[in-house]
């Protein structure tokens, strides 16, 4: 029973992710989404959009990756994509959280989950690249659906979106083309600020 108890302890601890709210509004704009909703949405997208991945991917690895990629925010908190100061300490905060949270699991599952989390962070495998496409696309389509509410709230510029997505094309070119059309549409609407700095070529 010790193994099962460890697994159950982790599962109950993971429930706290439902209380971690992100900066992205739901499509209807009525409230901001939480990390659990975000992770579920990515898992659904992983299944539905697999045909657009540039490389063949192990879908189970991708689904597991997106389900756990933000679990560290239980301890580390949500780091807004464009908060330069918080981004400076993000890695240190999240590594500490990963040590504690994955450490609740039996040793073999601790290694499996930690390795997948690190794989996502490293952004080097086909699965990680595809998972990042989903992680970047989902808030973008929600921002568009909510009328650009989150972008306006944070005064987001085009170059910030392009910089964050500098490697999205590597994971799924067609999805990136779709995303760019959404960005350009919102620049015309004024919900995304235009600027002369083009970060599309930054890596």
N, C-alpha and C. Protein backbone atom coordinates (compact mmCIF):
# COMPACT_ATOMS: atom_id res chain seq x y z
N UNK A 1 0.82 -1.22 0.00
CA UNK A 1 0.00 0.00 0.00
C UNK A 1 0.85 1.27 0.00
N UNK A 2 2.12 1.14 0.36
CA UNK A 2 2.95 2.35 0.45
C UNK A 2 3.04 3.06 -0.91
N UNK A 3 3.19 2.28 -1.99
CA UNK A 3 3.28 2.86 -3.33
C UNK A 3 1.98 3.60 -3.67
N UNK A 4 0.86 2.95 -3.43
CA UNK A 4 -0.43 3.56 -3.73
C UNK A 4 -0.65 4.82 -2.89
N UNK A 5 -0.22 4.78 -1.65
CA UNK A 5 -0.37 5.95 -0.79
C UNK A 5 0.45 7.12 -1.32
N UNK A 6 1.65 6.83 -1.81
CA UNK A 6 2.48 7.90 -2.40
C UNK A 6 1.80 8.49 -3.63
N UNK A 7 1.26 7.63 -4.46
CA UNK A 7 0.59 8.10 -5.67
C UNK A 7 -0.64 8.94 -5.34
N UNK A 8 -1.40 8.49 -4.36
CA UNK A 8 -2.59 9.23 -3.94
C UNK A 8 -2.21 10.58 -3.33
N UNK A 9 -1.12 10.60 -2.61
CA UNK A 9 -0.66 11.86 -2.01
C UNK A 9 -0.32 12.87 -3.10
N UNK A 10 0.35 12.40 -4.14
CA UNK A 10 0.68 13.28 -5.27
C UNK A 10 -0.59 13.75 -5.97
N UNK A 11 -1.52 12.83 -6.19
CA UNK A 11 -2.77 13.17 -6.87
C UNK A 11 -3.55 14.24 -6.09
N UNK A 12 -3.59 14.11 -4.79
CA UNK A 12 -4.28 15.10 -3.96
C UNK A 12 -3.54 16.44 -3.97
N UNK A 13 -2.22 16.37 -3.96
CA UNK A 13 -1.43 17.60 -4.01
C UNK A 13 -1.66 18.31 -5.34
N UNK A 14 -1.79 17.52 -6.40
CA UNK A 14 -2.02 18.09 -7.74
C UNK A 14 -3.36 18.83 -7.82
N UNK A 15 -4.28 18.51 -6.92
CA UNK A 15 -5.57 19.21 -6.90
C UNK A 15 -5.39 20.71 -6.71
N UNK A 16 -4.29 21.10 -6.09
CA UNK A 16 -4.04 22.52 -5.81
C UNK A 16 -3.85 23.34 -7.09
N UNK A 17 -3.55 22.64 -8.19
CA UNK A 17 -3.34 23.36 -9.45
C UNK A 17 -4.63 24.04 -9.92
N UNK A 18 -5.75 23.55 -9.41
CA UNK A 18 -7.04 24.16 -9.77
C UNK A 18 -7.19 25.57 -9.20
N UNK A 19 -6.34 25.92 -8.23
CA UNK A 19 -6.40 27.24 -7.61
C UNK A 19 -5.33 28.19 -8.14
N UNK A 20 -4.56 27.74 -9.15
CA UNK A 20 -3.54 28.61 -9.74
C UNK A 20 -4.14 29.26 -10.98
N UNK A 21 -4.40 30.54 -10.88
CA UNK A 21 -5.03 31.26 -11.99
C UNK A 21 -3.99 31.93 -12.89
N UNK A 22 -4.23 31.83 -14.18
CA UNK A 22 -3.36 32.38 -15.20
C UNK A 22 -3.81 33.79 -15.59
N UNK A 23 -3.09 34.40 -16.51
CA UNK A 23 -3.45 35.74 -16.97
C UNK A 23 -4.37 35.70 -18.19
N UNK A 24 -4.66 34.51 -18.69
CA UNK A 24 -5.51 34.35 -19.87
C UNK A 24 -6.97 34.20 -19.47
N UNK A 25 -7.83 34.94 -20.14
CA UNK A 25 -9.27 34.83 -19.89
C UNK A 25 -9.85 33.65 -20.67
N UNK A 26 -10.93 33.09 -20.15
CA UNK A 26 -11.68 32.09 -20.90
C UNK A 26 -12.21 32.75 -22.18
N UNK A 27 -12.64 31.93 -23.13
CA UNK A 27 -13.10 32.45 -24.41
C UNK A 27 -14.23 33.46 -24.26
N UNK A 28 -15.08 33.27 -23.24
CA UNK A 28 -16.20 34.21 -23.06
C UNK A 28 -15.79 35.47 -22.31
N UNK A 29 -14.53 35.52 -21.85
CA UNK A 29 -14.01 36.72 -21.20
C UNK A 29 -14.53 36.97 -19.80
N UNK A 30 -15.27 36.02 -19.23
CA UNK A 30 -15.90 36.27 -17.92
C UNK A 30 -14.95 36.12 -16.75
N UNK A 31 -13.95 35.28 -16.89
CA UNK A 31 -12.95 35.11 -15.83
C UNK A 31 -11.69 34.53 -16.42
N UNK A 32 -10.64 34.53 -15.61
CA UNK A 32 -9.37 33.94 -16.06
C UNK A 32 -9.38 32.44 -15.82
N UNK A 33 -8.68 31.72 -16.66
CA UNK A 33 -8.63 30.27 -16.54
C UNK A 33 -7.63 29.86 -15.47
N UNK A 34 -7.79 28.64 -14.93
CA UNK A 34 -6.78 28.13 -14.00
C UNK A 34 -5.89 27.13 -14.71
N UNK A 35 -4.83 26.73 -14.03
CA UNK A 35 -3.84 25.84 -14.65
C UNK A 35 -4.41 24.48 -15.02
N UNK A 36 -5.34 23.98 -14.23
CA UNK A 36 -5.93 22.68 -14.53
C UNK A 36 -6.72 22.74 -15.83
N UNK A 37 -7.47 23.82 -16.01
CA UNK A 37 -8.23 24.01 -17.24
C UNK A 37 -7.29 24.14 -18.44
N UNK A 38 -6.23 24.89 -18.25
CA UNK A 38 -5.23 25.07 -19.31
C UNK A 38 -4.61 23.73 -19.71
N UNK A 39 -4.21 22.93 -18.73
CA UNK A 39 -3.57 21.65 -19.02
C UNK A 39 -4.52 20.69 -19.72
N UNK A 40 -5.76 20.65 -19.27
CA UNK A 40 -6.77 19.81 -19.94
C UNK A 40 -6.95 20.24 -21.39
N UNK A 41 -7.02 21.55 -21.61
CA UNK A 41 -7.24 22.06 -22.95
C UNK A 41 -6.09 21.66 -23.88
N UNK A 42 -4.86 21.72 -23.36
CA UNK A 42 -3.70 21.33 -24.15
C UNK A 42 -3.73 19.85 -24.50
N UNK A 43 -4.16 19.01 -23.55
CA UNK A 43 -4.25 17.57 -23.80
C UNK A 43 -5.25 17.29 -24.92
N UNK A 44 -6.38 17.99 -24.90
CA UNK A 44 -7.38 17.84 -25.96
C UNK A 44 -6.81 18.29 -27.30
N UNK A 45 -6.12 19.42 -27.30
CA UNK A 45 -5.51 19.92 -28.52
C UNK A 45 -4.46 18.96 -29.06
N UNK A 46 -3.71 18.34 -28.15
CA UNK A 46 -2.66 17.40 -28.56
C UNK A 46 -3.24 16.28 -29.40
N UNK A 47 -4.40 15.79 -28.99
CA UNK A 47 -5.07 14.70 -29.72
C UNK A 47 -5.60 15.20 -31.05
N UNK A 48 -6.30 16.33 -31.03
CA UNK A 48 -6.99 16.81 -32.22
C UNK A 48 -6.07 17.37 -33.29
N UNK A 49 -4.93 17.94 -32.89
CA UNK A 49 -4.07 18.65 -33.84
C UNK A 49 -2.79 17.90 -34.20
N UNK A 50 -2.70 16.65 -33.80
CA UNK A 50 -1.47 15.87 -34.02
C UNK A 50 -1.04 15.86 -35.49
N UNK A 51 -1.98 15.88 -36.40
CA UNK A 51 -1.65 15.81 -37.83
C UNK A 51 -0.82 17.00 -38.30
N UNK A 52 -0.81 18.08 -37.51
CA UNK A 52 -0.07 19.28 -37.91
C UNK A 52 1.34 19.34 -37.34
N UNK A 53 1.69 18.40 -36.47
CA UNK A 53 3.05 18.37 -35.93
C UNK A 53 4.04 18.15 -37.07
N UNK A 54 5.11 18.91 -37.07
CA UNK A 54 6.11 18.80 -38.14
C UNK A 54 6.72 17.41 -38.19
N UNK A 55 6.94 16.82 -37.01
CA UNK A 55 7.55 15.49 -36.92
C UNK A 55 6.57 14.51 -36.28
N UNK A 56 6.80 13.23 -36.50
CA UNK A 56 5.98 12.23 -35.84
C UNK A 56 6.23 12.30 -34.34
N UNK A 57 5.17 12.23 -33.55
CA UNK A 57 5.33 12.35 -32.10
C UNK A 57 4.63 11.20 -31.39
N UNK A 58 5.14 10.88 -30.21
CA UNK A 58 4.51 9.90 -29.33
C UNK A 58 3.42 10.65 -28.57
N UNK A 59 2.18 10.42 -28.93
CA UNK A 59 1.07 11.20 -28.39
C UNK A 59 0.93 11.05 -26.88
N UNK A 60 1.15 9.85 -26.35
CA UNK A 60 1.03 9.66 -24.91
C UNK A 60 2.07 10.50 -24.17
N UNK A 61 3.28 10.58 -24.72
CA UNK A 61 4.31 11.42 -24.09
C UNK A 61 3.90 12.88 -24.11
N UNK A 62 3.34 13.32 -25.23
CA UNK A 62 2.92 14.71 -25.34
C UNK A 62 1.79 15.01 -24.35
N UNK A 63 0.81 14.14 -24.30
CA UNK A 63 -0.33 14.36 -23.39
C UNK A 63 0.15 14.40 -21.93
N UNK A 64 0.99 13.46 -21.57
CA UNK A 64 1.52 13.46 -20.19
C UNK A 64 2.31 14.74 -19.93
N UNK A 65 3.10 15.14 -20.90
CA UNK A 65 3.92 16.34 -20.78
C UNK A 65 3.07 17.57 -20.51
N UNK A 66 2.01 17.74 -21.30
CA UNK A 66 1.20 18.95 -21.12
C UNK A 66 0.35 18.89 -19.85
N UNK A 67 0.04 17.69 -19.40
CA UNK A 67 -0.73 17.57 -18.15
C UNK A 67 0.10 17.92 -16.92
N UNK A 68 1.42 17.74 -17.01
CA UNK A 68 2.27 18.01 -15.84
C UNK A 68 3.14 19.26 -15.99
N UNK A 69 3.16 19.87 -17.16
CA UNK A 69 4.15 20.93 -17.40
C UNK A 69 4.00 22.13 -16.47
N UNK A 70 2.80 22.39 -16.00
CA UNK A 70 2.59 23.55 -15.12
C UNK A 70 2.36 23.16 -13.66
N UNK A 71 2.53 21.89 -13.34
CA UNK A 71 2.24 21.46 -11.97
C UNK A 71 3.16 22.14 -10.95
N UNK A 72 4.34 22.54 -11.40
CA UNK A 72 5.29 23.22 -10.51
C UNK A 72 4.74 24.56 -10.03
N UNK A 73 3.75 25.09 -10.74
CA UNK A 73 3.20 26.39 -10.35
C UNK A 73 2.39 26.32 -9.06
N UNK A 74 2.14 25.11 -8.58
CA UNK A 74 1.51 24.95 -7.26
C UNK A 74 2.37 25.64 -6.21
N UNK A 75 3.68 25.49 -6.34
CA UNK A 75 4.62 26.14 -5.41
C UNK A 75 5.19 27.44 -5.98
N UNK A 76 5.51 27.42 -7.28
CA UNK A 76 6.23 28.54 -7.89
C UNK A 76 5.33 29.68 -8.34
N UNK A 77 4.03 29.42 -8.45
CA UNK A 77 3.10 30.43 -8.95
C UNK A 77 3.19 30.57 -10.46
N UNK A 78 2.18 31.19 -11.03
CA UNK A 78 2.15 31.41 -12.48
C UNK A 78 3.06 32.57 -12.83
N UNK A 79 3.92 32.36 -13.82
CA UNK A 79 4.78 33.43 -14.32
C UNK A 79 4.23 33.91 -15.64
N UNK A 80 3.75 35.14 -15.67
CA UNK A 80 3.18 35.69 -16.89
C UNK A 80 4.24 35.73 -17.99
N UNK A 81 3.86 35.33 -19.18
CA UNK A 81 4.80 35.17 -20.30
C UNK A 81 5.62 36.42 -20.59
N UNK A 82 5.07 37.59 -20.30
CA UNK A 82 5.76 38.83 -20.67
C UNK A 82 6.24 39.63 -19.45
N UNK A 83 6.31 38.98 -18.29
CA UNK A 83 6.80 39.64 -17.07
C UNK A 83 8.31 39.39 -16.97
N UNK A 84 9.09 40.35 -17.45
CA UNK A 84 10.54 40.17 -17.53
C UNK A 84 11.20 39.93 -16.18
N UNK A 85 10.73 40.59 -15.13
CA UNK A 85 11.33 40.41 -13.81
C UNK A 85 11.06 39.02 -13.25
N UNK A 86 9.82 38.56 -13.35
CA UNK A 86 9.48 37.22 -12.86
C UNK A 86 10.18 36.13 -13.66
N UNK A 87 10.38 36.38 -14.94
CA UNK A 87 11.05 35.39 -15.79
C UNK A 87 12.49 35.14 -15.36
N UNK A 88 13.10 36.14 -14.74
CA UNK A 88 14.49 35.99 -14.29
C UNK A 88 14.64 34.93 -13.21
N UNK A 89 13.61 34.75 -12.40
CA UNK A 89 13.69 33.79 -11.29
C UNK A 89 12.85 32.55 -11.53
N UNK A 90 12.21 32.47 -12.68
CA UNK A 90 11.27 31.38 -12.95
C UNK A 90 11.92 30.01 -12.83
N UNK A 91 13.05 29.81 -13.47
CA UNK A 91 13.69 28.49 -13.48
C UNK A 91 14.03 28.03 -12.07
N UNK A 92 14.61 28.90 -11.27
CA UNK A 92 15.00 28.51 -9.91
C UNK A 92 13.78 28.15 -9.07
N UNK A 93 12.72 28.94 -9.19
CA UNK A 93 11.50 28.67 -8.43
C UNK A 93 10.86 27.35 -8.85
N UNK A 94 10.86 27.10 -10.15
CA UNK A 94 10.19 25.91 -10.64
C UNK A 94 11.00 24.64 -10.39
N UNK A 95 12.31 24.72 -10.42
CA UNK A 95 13.13 23.55 -10.10
C UNK A 95 12.92 23.13 -8.64
N UNK A 96 12.88 24.11 -7.77
CA UNK A 96 12.62 23.81 -6.36
C UNK A 96 11.26 23.16 -6.18
N UNK A 97 10.27 23.65 -6.90
CA UNK A 97 8.93 23.08 -6.83
C UNK A 97 8.91 21.67 -7.39
N UNK A 98 9.63 21.45 -8.49
CA UNK A 98 9.69 20.11 -9.10
C UNK A 98 10.31 19.10 -8.14
N UNK A 99 11.34 19.52 -7.43
CA UNK A 99 11.98 18.64 -6.45
C UNK A 99 10.97 18.15 -5.42
N UNK A 100 10.18 19.08 -4.90
CA UNK A 100 9.22 18.70 -3.86
C UNK A 100 8.06 17.88 -4.41
N UNK A 101 7.46 18.38 -5.48
CA UNK A 101 6.22 17.76 -5.97
C UNK A 101 6.46 16.39 -6.58
N UNK A 102 7.40 16.26 -7.48
CA UNK A 102 7.67 14.95 -8.07
C UNK A 102 8.28 14.00 -7.04
N UNK A 103 8.90 14.59 -6.02
CA UNK A 103 9.47 13.78 -4.94
C UNK A 103 8.43 13.07 -4.09
N UNK A 104 7.17 13.44 -4.25
CA UNK A 104 6.09 12.76 -3.53
C UNK A 104 5.79 11.38 -4.12
N UNK A 105 6.17 11.18 -5.38
CA UNK A 105 5.85 9.94 -6.10
C UNK A 105 6.83 8.82 -5.77
N UNK A 106 6.44 7.57 -6.05
CA UNK A 106 7.39 6.46 -5.97
C UNK A 106 8.58 6.77 -6.89
N UNK A 107 9.73 6.26 -6.56
CA UNK A 107 10.97 6.64 -7.22
C UNK A 107 10.92 6.50 -8.75
N UNK A 108 10.36 5.42 -9.26
CA UNK A 108 10.33 5.24 -10.71
C UNK A 108 9.44 6.27 -11.40
N UNK A 109 8.30 6.59 -10.78
CA UNK A 109 7.42 7.59 -11.36
C UNK A 109 7.95 9.00 -11.15
N UNK A 110 8.64 9.22 -10.06
CA UNK A 110 9.30 10.51 -9.85
C UNK A 110 10.26 10.79 -11.00
N UNK A 111 11.07 9.80 -11.35
CA UNK A 111 12.03 9.97 -12.45
C UNK A 111 11.31 10.17 -13.78
N UNK A 112 10.28 9.37 -14.03
CA UNK A 112 9.54 9.47 -15.29
C UNK A 112 8.91 10.85 -15.47
N UNK A 113 8.23 11.33 -14.43
CA UNK A 113 7.56 12.63 -14.52
C UNK A 113 8.57 13.78 -14.57
N UNK A 114 9.61 13.67 -13.77
CA UNK A 114 10.63 14.73 -13.76
C UNK A 114 11.35 14.80 -15.11
N UNK A 115 11.65 13.65 -15.67
CA UNK A 115 12.31 13.62 -16.98
C UNK A 115 11.43 14.25 -18.06
N UNK A 116 10.13 13.96 -18.01
CA UNK A 116 9.21 14.54 -18.99
C UNK A 116 9.10 16.05 -18.80
N UNK A 117 9.07 16.49 -17.55
CA UNK A 117 9.01 17.92 -17.27
C UNK A 117 10.26 18.62 -17.80
N UNK A 118 11.43 18.02 -17.55
CA UNK A 118 12.69 18.60 -18.03
C UNK A 118 12.76 18.56 -19.56
N UNK A 119 12.21 17.52 -20.15
CA UNK A 119 12.17 17.42 -21.61
C UNK A 119 11.35 18.56 -22.20
N UNK A 120 10.21 18.84 -21.60
CA UNK A 120 9.39 19.97 -22.05
C UNK A 120 10.17 21.27 -21.94
N UNK A 121 10.82 21.46 -20.81
CA UNK A 121 11.57 22.69 -20.57
C UNK A 121 12.71 22.86 -21.57
N UNK A 122 13.36 21.76 -21.94
CA UNK A 122 14.51 21.82 -22.82
C UNK A 122 14.15 22.15 -24.27
N UNK A 123 12.92 21.80 -24.68
CA UNK A 123 12.42 22.21 -26.00
C UNK A 123 13.21 21.59 -27.15
N UNK A 124 13.74 20.37 -26.96
CA UNK A 124 14.64 19.80 -27.96
C UNK A 124 14.08 18.61 -28.72
N UNK A 125 13.10 17.89 -28.18
CA UNK A 125 12.57 16.71 -28.84
C UNK A 125 11.33 17.06 -29.66
N UNK A 126 10.94 16.20 -30.62
CA UNK A 126 9.71 16.46 -31.36
C UNK A 126 8.50 16.63 -30.45
N UNK A 127 8.43 15.81 -29.39
CA UNK A 127 7.30 15.90 -28.45
C UNK A 127 7.30 17.23 -27.72
N UNK A 128 8.46 17.68 -27.29
CA UNK A 128 8.54 18.96 -26.58
C UNK A 128 8.21 20.13 -27.51
N UNK A 129 8.68 20.06 -28.73
CA UNK A 129 8.37 21.13 -29.68
C UNK A 129 6.87 21.21 -29.96
N UNK A 130 6.25 20.07 -30.13
CA UNK A 130 4.80 20.04 -30.38
C UNK A 130 4.05 20.53 -29.14
N UNK A 131 4.46 20.09 -27.97
CA UNK A 131 3.81 20.51 -26.73
C UNK A 131 3.90 22.03 -26.56
N UNK A 132 5.03 22.61 -26.92
CA UNK A 132 5.19 24.06 -26.81
C UNK A 132 4.30 24.80 -27.80
N UNK A 133 4.12 24.22 -28.98
CA UNK A 133 3.18 24.82 -29.94
C UNK A 133 1.81 24.97 -29.29
N UNK A 134 1.35 23.90 -28.66
CA UNK A 134 0.04 23.90 -28.02
C UNK A 134 0.00 24.90 -26.87
N UNK A 135 1.06 24.94 -26.08
CA UNK A 135 1.13 25.82 -24.92
C UNK A 135 1.12 27.29 -25.34
N UNK A 136 1.65 27.58 -26.52
CA UNK A 136 1.65 28.96 -27.02
C UNK A 136 0.38 29.30 -27.79
N UNK A 137 -0.17 28.31 -28.47
CA UNK A 137 -1.36 28.54 -29.29
C UNK A 137 -2.61 28.73 -28.44
N UNK A 138 -2.75 27.93 -27.41
CA UNK A 138 -3.98 27.95 -26.61
C UNK A 138 -4.29 29.33 -26.01
N UNK A 139 -3.34 29.99 -25.33
CA UNK A 139 -3.67 31.31 -24.81
C UNK A 139 -3.92 32.34 -25.91
N UNK A 140 -3.27 32.15 -27.05
CA UNK A 140 -3.46 33.08 -28.16
C UNK A 140 -4.88 33.01 -28.70
N UNK A 141 -5.40 31.79 -28.90
CA UNK A 141 -6.76 31.68 -29.44
C UNK A 141 -7.80 32.11 -28.40
N UNK A 142 -7.49 31.91 -27.10
CA UNK A 142 -8.41 32.38 -26.07
C UNK A 142 -8.41 33.91 -26.00
N UNK A 143 -7.23 34.51 -26.13
CA UNK A 143 -7.16 35.97 -26.13
C UNK A 143 -7.95 36.53 -27.29
N UNK A 144 -7.84 35.90 -28.44
CA UNK A 144 -8.59 36.36 -29.62
C UNK A 144 -10.09 36.20 -29.39
N UNK A 145 -10.50 35.03 -28.88
CA UNK A 145 -11.93 34.77 -28.66
C UNK A 145 -12.55 35.72 -27.64
N UNK A 146 -11.76 36.14 -26.66
CA UNK A 146 -12.29 37.04 -25.62
C UNK A 146 -12.22 38.50 -26.03
N UNK A 147 -11.91 38.74 -27.29
CA UNK A 147 -11.85 40.12 -27.76
C UNK A 147 -10.55 40.82 -27.43
N UNK A 148 -9.51 40.03 -27.19
CA UNK A 148 -8.20 40.61 -26.86
C UNK A 148 -8.12 41.16 -25.46
N UNK A 149 -8.99 40.69 -24.59
CA UNK A 149 -9.10 41.25 -23.24
C UNK A 149 -7.78 41.18 -22.47
N UNK A 150 -7.14 40.00 -22.50
CA UNK A 150 -5.87 39.85 -21.78
C UNK A 150 -4.75 40.67 -22.39
N UNK A 151 -4.69 40.73 -23.71
CA UNK A 151 -3.67 41.54 -24.38
C UNK A 151 -3.82 43.01 -24.04
N UNK A 152 -5.04 43.49 -24.06
CA UNK A 152 -5.27 44.90 -23.73
C UNK A 152 -4.94 45.19 -22.27
N UNK A 153 -5.31 44.27 -21.41
CA UNK A 153 -5.06 44.45 -19.97
C UNK A 153 -3.57 44.60 -19.68
N UNK A 154 -2.75 43.86 -20.41
CA UNK A 154 -1.30 43.88 -20.17
C UNK A 154 -0.52 44.68 -21.20
N UNK A 155 -1.25 45.35 -22.10
CA UNK A 155 -0.58 46.18 -23.12
C UNK A 155 0.49 45.39 -23.87
N UNK A 156 0.08 44.30 -24.47
CA UNK A 156 1.01 43.39 -25.14
C UNK A 156 1.33 43.90 -26.56
N UNK A 157 2.61 43.83 -26.90
CA UNK A 157 3.08 44.25 -28.21
C UNK A 157 3.30 43.05 -29.12
N UNK A 158 3.21 43.32 -30.43
CA UNK A 158 3.44 42.28 -31.43
C UNK A 158 4.79 41.60 -31.24
N UNK A 159 5.84 42.40 -31.00
CA UNK A 159 7.18 41.80 -30.91
C UNK A 159 7.28 40.83 -29.74
N UNK A 160 6.51 41.07 -28.66
CA UNK A 160 6.53 40.15 -27.52
C UNK A 160 5.94 38.79 -27.92
N UNK A 161 4.86 38.83 -28.68
CA UNK A 161 4.23 37.58 -29.13
C UNK A 161 5.14 36.83 -30.08
N UNK A 162 5.75 37.56 -31.02
CA UNK A 162 6.64 36.91 -31.98
C UNK A 162 7.89 36.35 -31.30
N UNK A 163 8.40 37.06 -30.32
CA UNK A 163 9.59 36.57 -29.60
C UNK A 163 9.26 35.28 -28.85
N UNK A 164 8.12 35.26 -28.18
CA UNK A 164 7.71 34.06 -27.45
C UNK A 164 7.52 32.88 -28.40
N UNK A 165 7.12 33.16 -29.62
CA UNK A 165 6.83 32.12 -30.59
C UNK A 165 7.94 31.94 -31.63
N UNK A 166 9.15 32.34 -31.28
CA UNK A 166 10.24 32.29 -32.26
C UNK A 166 10.55 30.88 -32.75
N UNK A 167 10.14 29.85 -31.96
CA UNK A 167 10.41 28.47 -32.37
C UNK A 167 9.14 27.67 -32.66
N UNK A 168 7.99 28.34 -32.65
CA UNK A 168 6.72 27.64 -32.85
C UNK A 168 6.66 26.96 -34.22
N UNK A 169 7.21 27.62 -35.24
CA UNK A 169 7.19 27.05 -36.58
C UNK A 169 7.92 25.71 -36.64
N UNK A 170 8.90 25.52 -35.77
CA UNK A 170 9.65 24.27 -35.74
C UNK A 170 8.77 23.09 -35.34
N UNK A 171 7.74 23.36 -34.56
CA UNK A 171 6.87 22.29 -34.07
C UNK A 171 5.67 22.02 -34.95
N UNK A 172 5.12 23.07 -35.55
CA UNK A 172 3.91 22.91 -36.38
C UNK A 172 3.74 24.14 -37.26
N UNK A 173 4.31 24.13 -38.46
CA UNK A 173 4.27 25.31 -39.34
C UNK A 173 2.86 25.81 -39.66
N UNK A 174 1.92 24.91 -39.93
CA UNK A 174 0.57 25.34 -40.29
C UNK A 174 -0.14 26.02 -39.12
N UNK A 175 0.10 25.51 -37.92
CA UNK A 175 -0.50 26.14 -36.74
C UNK A 175 0.09 27.53 -36.54
N UNK A 176 1.39 27.67 -36.77
CA UNK A 176 2.03 28.97 -36.62
C UNK A 176 1.48 29.96 -37.64
N UNK A 177 1.23 29.52 -38.86
CA UNK A 177 0.63 30.40 -39.86
C UNK A 177 -0.75 30.87 -39.40
N UNK A 178 -1.51 29.96 -38.83
CA UNK A 178 -2.84 30.30 -38.30
C UNK A 178 -2.71 31.33 -37.17
N UNK A 179 -1.74 31.12 -36.29
CA UNK A 179 -1.53 32.03 -35.18
C UNK A 179 -1.14 33.42 -35.65
N UNK A 180 -0.29 33.50 -36.66
CA UNK A 180 0.14 34.80 -37.18
C UNK A 180 -1.03 35.60 -37.73
N UNK A 181 -1.96 34.92 -38.39
CA UNK A 181 -3.15 35.62 -38.90
C UNK A 181 -3.97 36.21 -37.77
N UNK A 182 -4.05 35.48 -36.65
CA UNK A 182 -4.78 35.99 -35.49
C UNK A 182 -4.09 37.22 -34.92
N UNK A 183 -2.75 37.17 -34.84
CA UNK A 183 -2.01 38.32 -34.31
C UNK A 183 -2.22 39.54 -35.20
N UNK A 184 -2.08 39.36 -36.50
CA UNK A 184 -2.24 40.48 -37.42
C UNK A 184 -3.66 41.06 -37.35
N UNK A 185 -4.65 40.19 -37.22
CA UNK A 185 -6.03 40.66 -37.09
C UNK A 185 -6.19 41.54 -35.84
N UNK A 186 -5.54 41.13 -34.76
CA UNK A 186 -5.67 41.89 -33.51
C UNK A 186 -4.84 43.17 -33.51
N UNK A 187 -3.80 43.21 -34.32
CA UNK A 187 -3.08 44.46 -34.50
C UNK A 187 -3.98 45.48 -35.20
N UNK A 188 -4.68 45.01 -36.22
CA UNK A 188 -5.62 45.88 -36.94
C UNK A 188 -6.74 46.38 -36.03
N UNK A 189 -7.19 45.51 -35.12
CA UNK A 189 -8.24 45.89 -34.18
C UNK A 189 -7.73 46.80 -33.08
N UNK A 190 -6.41 46.76 -32.84
CA UNK A 190 -5.82 47.57 -31.78
C UNK A 190 -5.72 46.87 -30.45
N UNK A 191 -6.07 45.58 -30.40
CA UNK A 191 -5.97 44.85 -29.13
C UNK A 191 -4.55 44.36 -28.86
N UNK A 192 -3.75 44.24 -29.92
CA UNK A 192 -2.31 44.00 -29.80
C UNK A 192 -1.61 45.23 -30.33
N UNK A 193 -0.64 45.74 -29.59
CA UNK A 193 0.06 46.96 -30.00
C UNK A 193 1.09 46.64 -31.09
N UNK A 194 1.09 47.43 -32.14
CA UNK A 194 2.07 47.29 -33.20
C UNK A 194 3.35 48.01 -32.78
N UNK A 195 4.45 47.62 -33.41
CA UNK A 195 5.72 48.28 -33.14
C UNK A 195 6.68 47.95 -34.27
N UNK A 196 7.81 48.59 -34.27
CA UNK A 196 8.77 48.41 -35.36
C UNK A 196 9.75 47.28 -35.09
N UNK A 197 9.84 46.82 -33.83
CA UNK A 197 10.77 45.77 -33.49
C UNK A 197 10.22 44.42 -33.91
N UNK A 198 10.93 43.72 -34.75
CA UNK A 198 10.47 42.41 -35.25
C UNK A 198 11.36 41.33 -34.65
N UNK A 199 10.79 40.52 -33.75
CA UNK A 199 11.57 39.48 -33.07
C UNK A 199 11.37 38.11 -33.70
N UNK A 200 10.80 38.07 -34.87
CA UNK A 200 10.52 36.77 -35.47
C UNK A 200 11.78 35.97 -35.75
N UNK A 201 12.90 36.66 -35.94
CA UNK A 201 14.14 35.94 -36.26
C UNK A 201 14.96 35.62 -35.03
N UNK A 202 14.52 36.06 -33.86
CA UNK A 202 15.25 35.77 -32.63
C UNK A 202 15.05 34.32 -32.22
N UNK A 203 16.06 33.72 -31.64
CA UNK A 203 16.00 32.33 -31.19
C UNK A 203 16.24 32.32 -29.69
